[in-house]
């Protein structure tokens, strides 16, 4: 049986969740922010593939399960307060469900949020209509 770090040392919120930032391991690019519960974090640590908790669907979500765009986990870290997870990953395909490489494609410019990157792939080609 594999030894996992003590997940009780982390500070999950009242809903049993902890924010998880996915960062490209070699470039430092921030790809996305998602949520994890103990089970999804444990699965991530055991398998080396990012798994999250979907707050909107209220279910376990293995990144890439429908798109094939997985995140191979190179390292799992927590911050000094132990209330946030940082996943250093190798992103396979795009990270964002909009077809963009990362989810942070909107930038504050004056009174608007401007799109600063275009989709690399049509989301309908990833997920269907």
C-alpha atoms as a PDB file:
ATOM      1  CA  UNK A   1       0.000   0.000   0.000  1.00  0.00           C
ATOM      2  CA  UNK A   2       1.272   3.447  -0.926  1.00  0.00           C
ATOM      3  CA  UNK A   3       2.055   6.004   1.733  1.00  0.00           C
ATOM      4  CA  UNK A   4       0.305   9.345   1.267  1.00  0.00           C
ATOM      5  CA  UNK A   5       1.009  12.560   3.137  1.00  0.00           C
ATOM      6  CA  UNK A   6      -1.285  13.369   6.067  1.00  0.00           C
ATOM      7  CA  UNK A   7      -4.245  15.082   4.387  1.00  0.00           C
ATOM      8  CA  UNK A   8      -5.551  16.117   7.826  1.00  0.00           C
ATOM      9  CA  UNK A   9      -2.606  18.551   7.956  1.00  0.00           C
ATOM     10  CA  UNK A  10      -4.367  20.569   5.223  1.00  0.00           C
ATOM     11  CA  UNK A  11      -7.098  23.157   5.803  1.00  0.00           C
ATOM     12  CA  UNK A  12     -10.154  22.185   3.785  1.00  0.00           C
ATOM     13  CA  UNK A  13     -13.040  24.679   3.845  1.00  0.00           C
ATOM     14  CA  UNK A  14     -16.446  24.080   5.464  1.00  0.00           C
ATOM     15  CA  UNK A  15     -17.556  22.191   2.333  1.00  0.00           C
ATOM     16  CA  UNK A  16     -14.538  19.886   2.605  1.00  0.00           C
ATOM     17  CA  UNK A  17     -12.781  21.506  -0.351  1.00  0.00           C
ATOM     18  CA  UNK A  18      -9.405  23.094  -0.974  1.00  0.00           C
ATOM     19  CA  UNK A  19      -8.466  25.262  -3.989  1.00  0.00           C
ATOM     20  CA  UNK A  20      -5.927  23.725  -6.356  1.00  0.00           C
ATOM     21  CA  UNK A  21      -3.870  25.710  -8.842  1.00  0.00           C
ATOM     22  CA  UNK A  22      -2.509  23.832 -11.857  1.00  0.00           C
ATOM     23  CA  UNK A  23       0.773  25.248 -13.163  1.00  0.00           C
ATOM     24  CA  UNK A  24       2.800  24.032 -16.149  1.00  0.00           C
ATOM     25  CA  UNK A  25       5.874  22.476 -14.535  1.00  0.00           C
ATOM     26  CA  UNK A  26       8.482  23.662 -17.043  1.00  0.00           C
ATOM     27  CA  UNK A  27       7.250  27.142 -18.029  1.00  0.00           C
ATOM     28  CA  UNK A  28       5.526  28.309 -14.839  1.00  0.00           C
ATOM     29  CA  UNK A  29       2.340  29.177 -16.774  1.00  0.00           C
ATOM     30  CA  UNK A  30      -0.766  29.124 -14.573  1.00  0.00           C
ATOM     31  CA  UNK A  31      -3.273  26.887 -16.329  1.00  0.00           C
ATOM     32  CA  UNK A  32      -6.360  26.790 -14.130  1.00  0.00           C
ATOM     33  CA  UNK A  33      -7.852  26.826 -10.661  1.00  0.00           C
ATOM     34  CA  UNK A  34     -10.149  24.053  -9.507  1.00  0.00           C
ATOM     35  CA  UNK A  35     -11.254  22.449  -6.243  1.00  0.00           C
ATOM     36  CA  UNK A  36     -10.266  19.206  -4.581  1.00  0.00           C
ATOM     37  CA  UNK A  37     -11.707  17.196  -1.742  1.00  0.00           C
ATOM     38  CA  UNK A  38      -9.781  14.566   0.231  1.00  0.00           C
ATOM     39  CA  UNK A  39     -10.771  11.789  -2.166  1.00  0.00           C
ATOM     40  CA  UNK A  40      -9.751  13.642  -5.337  1.00  0.00           C
ATOM     41  CA  UNK A  41      -6.471  14.776  -3.785  1.00  0.00           C
ATOM     42  CA  UNK A  42      -5.776  11.213  -2.661  1.00  0.00           C
ATOM     43  CA  UNK A  43      -6.555   9.942  -6.172  1.00  0.00           C
ATOM     44  CA  UNK A  44      -4.212  12.567  -7.651  1.00  0.00           C
ATOM     45  CA  UNK A  45      -1.413  11.543  -5.304  1.00  0.00           C
ATOM     46  CA  UNK A  46      -1.955   7.825  -6.002  1.00  0.00           C
ATOM     47  CA  UNK A  47      -2.282   7.994  -9.800  1.00  0.00           C
ATOM     48  CA  UNK A  48      -0.168  10.987 -10.806  1.00  0.00           C
ATOM     49  CA  UNK A  49      -3.053  12.364 -12.888  1.00  0.00           C
ATOM     50  CA  UNK A  50      -4.967  15.463 -11.743  1.00  0.00           C
ATOM     51  CA  UNK A  51      -8.396  14.726 -10.291  1.00  0.00           C
ATOM     52  CA  UNK A  52     -10.730  17.408  -8.963  1.00  0.00           C
ATOM     53  CA  UNK A  53     -14.147  17.879  -7.373  1.00  0.00           C
ATOM     54  CA  UNK A  54     -16.673  19.561  -9.651  1.00  0.00           C
ATOM     55  CA  UNK A  55     -18.708  22.007  -7.582  1.00  0.00           C
ATOM     56  CA  UNK A  56     -21.201  22.570 -10.415  1.00  0.00           C
ATOM     57  CA  UNK A  57     -21.785  18.861 -11.088  1.00  0.00           C
ATOM     58  CA  UNK A  58     -21.183  17.763  -7.478  1.00  0.00           C
ATOM     59  CA  UNK A  59     -19.039  14.859  -8.547  1.00  0.00           C
ATOM     60  CA  UNK A  60     -15.520  13.559  -8.918  1.00  0.00           C
ATOM     61  CA  UNK A  61     -13.816  14.906 -12.056  1.00  0.00           C
ATOM     62  CA  UNK A  62     -10.728  13.315 -13.559  1.00  0.00           C
ATOM     63  CA  UNK A  63      -9.173  16.054 -15.677  1.00  0.00           C
ATOM     64  CA  UNK A  64      -9.328  14.964 -19.294  1.00  0.00           C
ATOM     65  CA  UNK A  65     -11.828  12.126 -18.763  1.00  0.00           C
ATOM     66  CA  UNK A  66     -14.021  13.370 -21.623  1.00  0.00           C
ATOM     67  CA  UNK A  67     -11.495  15.440 -23.619  1.00  0.00           C
ATOM     68  CA  UNK A  68      -8.316  13.400 -23.295  1.00  0.00           C
ATOM     69  CA  UNK A  69      -6.552  16.601 -22.186  1.00  0.00           C
ATOM     70  CA  UNK A  70      -5.045  15.248 -19.001  1.00  0.00           C
ATOM     71  CA  UNK A  71      -2.651  16.780 -16.517  1.00  0.00           C
ATOM     72  CA  UNK A  72       0.267  14.537 -15.578  1.00  0.00           C
ATOM     73  CA  UNK A  73       1.274  15.592 -12.082  1.00  0.00           C
ATOM     74  CA  UNK A  74       4.979  16.169 -11.505  1.00  0.00           C
ATOM     75  CA  UNK A  75       4.695  17.596  -7.974  1.00  0.00           C
ATOM     76  CA  UNK A  76       2.029  18.389  -5.368  1.00  0.00           C
ATOM     77  CA  UNK A  77       2.713  21.272  -2.998  1.00  0.00           C
ATOM     78  CA  UNK A  78       0.823  23.275  -0.402  1.00  0.00           C
ATOM     79  CA  UNK A  79       1.360  26.836   0.760  1.00  0.00           C
ATOM     80  CA  UNK A  80       2.535  28.060   4.163  1.00  0.00           C
ATOM     81  CA  UNK A  81      -1.052  28.208   5.477  1.00  0.00           C
ATOM     82  CA  UNK A  82      -1.788  24.732   4.087  1.00  0.00           C
ATOM     83  CA  UNK A  83      -5.059  26.016   2.613  1.00  0.00           C
ATOM     84  CA  UNK A  84      -4.170  25.873  -1.095  1.00  0.00           C
ATOM     85  CA  UNK A  85      -2.733  23.150  -3.311  1.00  0.00           C
ATOM     86  CA  UNK A  86      -0.294  23.773  -6.169  1.00  0.00           C
ATOM     87  CA  UNK A  87      -0.046  21.063  -8.805  1.00  0.00           C
ATOM     88  CA  UNK A  88       2.981  21.227 -11.091  1.00  0.00           C
ATOM     89  CA  UNK A  89       1.754  19.428 -14.184  1.00  0.00           C
ATOM     90  CA  UNK A  90       2.535  18.443 -17.724  1.00  0.00           C
ATOM     91  CA  UNK A  91      -0.564  19.606 -19.602  1.00  0.00           C
ATOM     92  CA  UNK A  92      -1.560  17.304 -22.456  1.00  0.00           C
ATOM     93  CA  UNK A  93      -3.692  19.325 -24.882  1.00  0.00           C
ATOM     94  CA  UNK A  94      -5.523  22.422 -23.658  1.00  0.00           C
ATOM     95  CA  UNK A  95      -6.417  23.077 -20.017  1.00  0.00           C
ATOM     96  CA  UNK A  96      -9.532  25.194 -20.530  1.00  0.00           C
ATOM     97  CA  UNK A  97     -12.934  23.885 -21.596  1.00  0.00           C
ATOM     98  CA  UNK A  98     -13.108  26.892 -23.968  1.00  0.00           C
ATOM     99  CA  UNK A  99     -10.315  25.340 -26.051  1.00  0.00           C
ATOM    100  CA  UNK A 100      -7.631  27.725 -24.781  1.00  0.00           C
ATOM    101  CA  UNK A 101      -4.307  26.640 -23.379  1.00  0.00           C
ATOM    102  CA  UNK A 102      -5.160  28.142 -19.975  1.00  0.00           C
ATOM    103  CA  UNK A 103      -8.290  29.482 -18.277  1.00  0.00           C
ATOM    104  CA  UNK A 104      -6.874  32.960 -17.647  1.00  0.00           C
ATOM    105  CA  UNK A 105      -7.551  34.543 -21.043  1.00  0.00           C
ATOM    106  CA  UNK A 106      -9.550  37.579 -19.851  1.00  0.00           C
ATOM    107  CA  UNK A 107      -7.595  40.697 -18.872  1.00  0.00           C
ATOM    108  CA  UNK A 108      -8.848  43.876 -17.207  1.00  0.00           C
ATOM    109  CA  UNK A 109      -8.450  46.650 -19.752  1.00  0.00           C
ATOM    110  CA  UNK A 110     -10.095  49.887 -18.707  1.00  0.00           C
ATOM    111  CA  UNK A 111     -13.791  49.207 -18.171  1.00  0.00           C
ATOM    112  CA  UNK A 112     -13.867  45.770 -19.817  1.00  0.00           C
ATOM    113  CA  UNK A 113     -12.499  42.237 -19.670  1.00  0.00           C
ATOM    114  CA  UNK A 114     -10.673  41.723 -22.957  1.00  0.00           C
ATOM    115  CA  UNK A 115      -9.889  38.338 -24.499  1.00  0.00           C
ATOM    116  CA  UNK A 116      -6.106  38.123 -24.792  1.00  0.00           C
ATOM    117  CA  UNK A 117      -5.897  34.657 -26.336  1.00  0.00           C
ATOM    118  CA  UNK A 118      -7.928  32.732 -28.853  1.00  0.00           C
ATOM    119  CA  UNK A 119      -9.018  29.098 -28.607  1.00  0.00           C
ATOM    120  CA  UNK A 120      -6.468  26.617 -29.923  1.00  0.00           C
ATOM    121  CA  UNK A 121      -9.221  24.107 -30.653  1.00  0.00           C
ATOM    122  CA  UNK A 122     -12.988  24.370 -31.112  1.00  0.00           C
ATOM    123  CA  UNK A 123     -14.668  23.135 -27.901  1.00  0.00           C
ATOM    124  CA  UNK A 124     -17.274  21.296 -30.013  1.00  0.00           C
ATOM    125  CA  UNK A 125     -14.433  19.176 -31.413  1.00  0.00           C
ATOM    126  CA  UNK A 126     -13.458  18.311 -27.838  1.00  0.00           C
ATOM    127  CA  UNK A 127     -16.856  17.790 -26.207  1.00  0.00           C
ATOM    128  CA  UNK A 128     -19.411  17.743 -29.021  1.00  0.00           C
ATOM    129  CA  UNK A 129     -22.337  20.138 -29.188  1.00  0.00           C
END
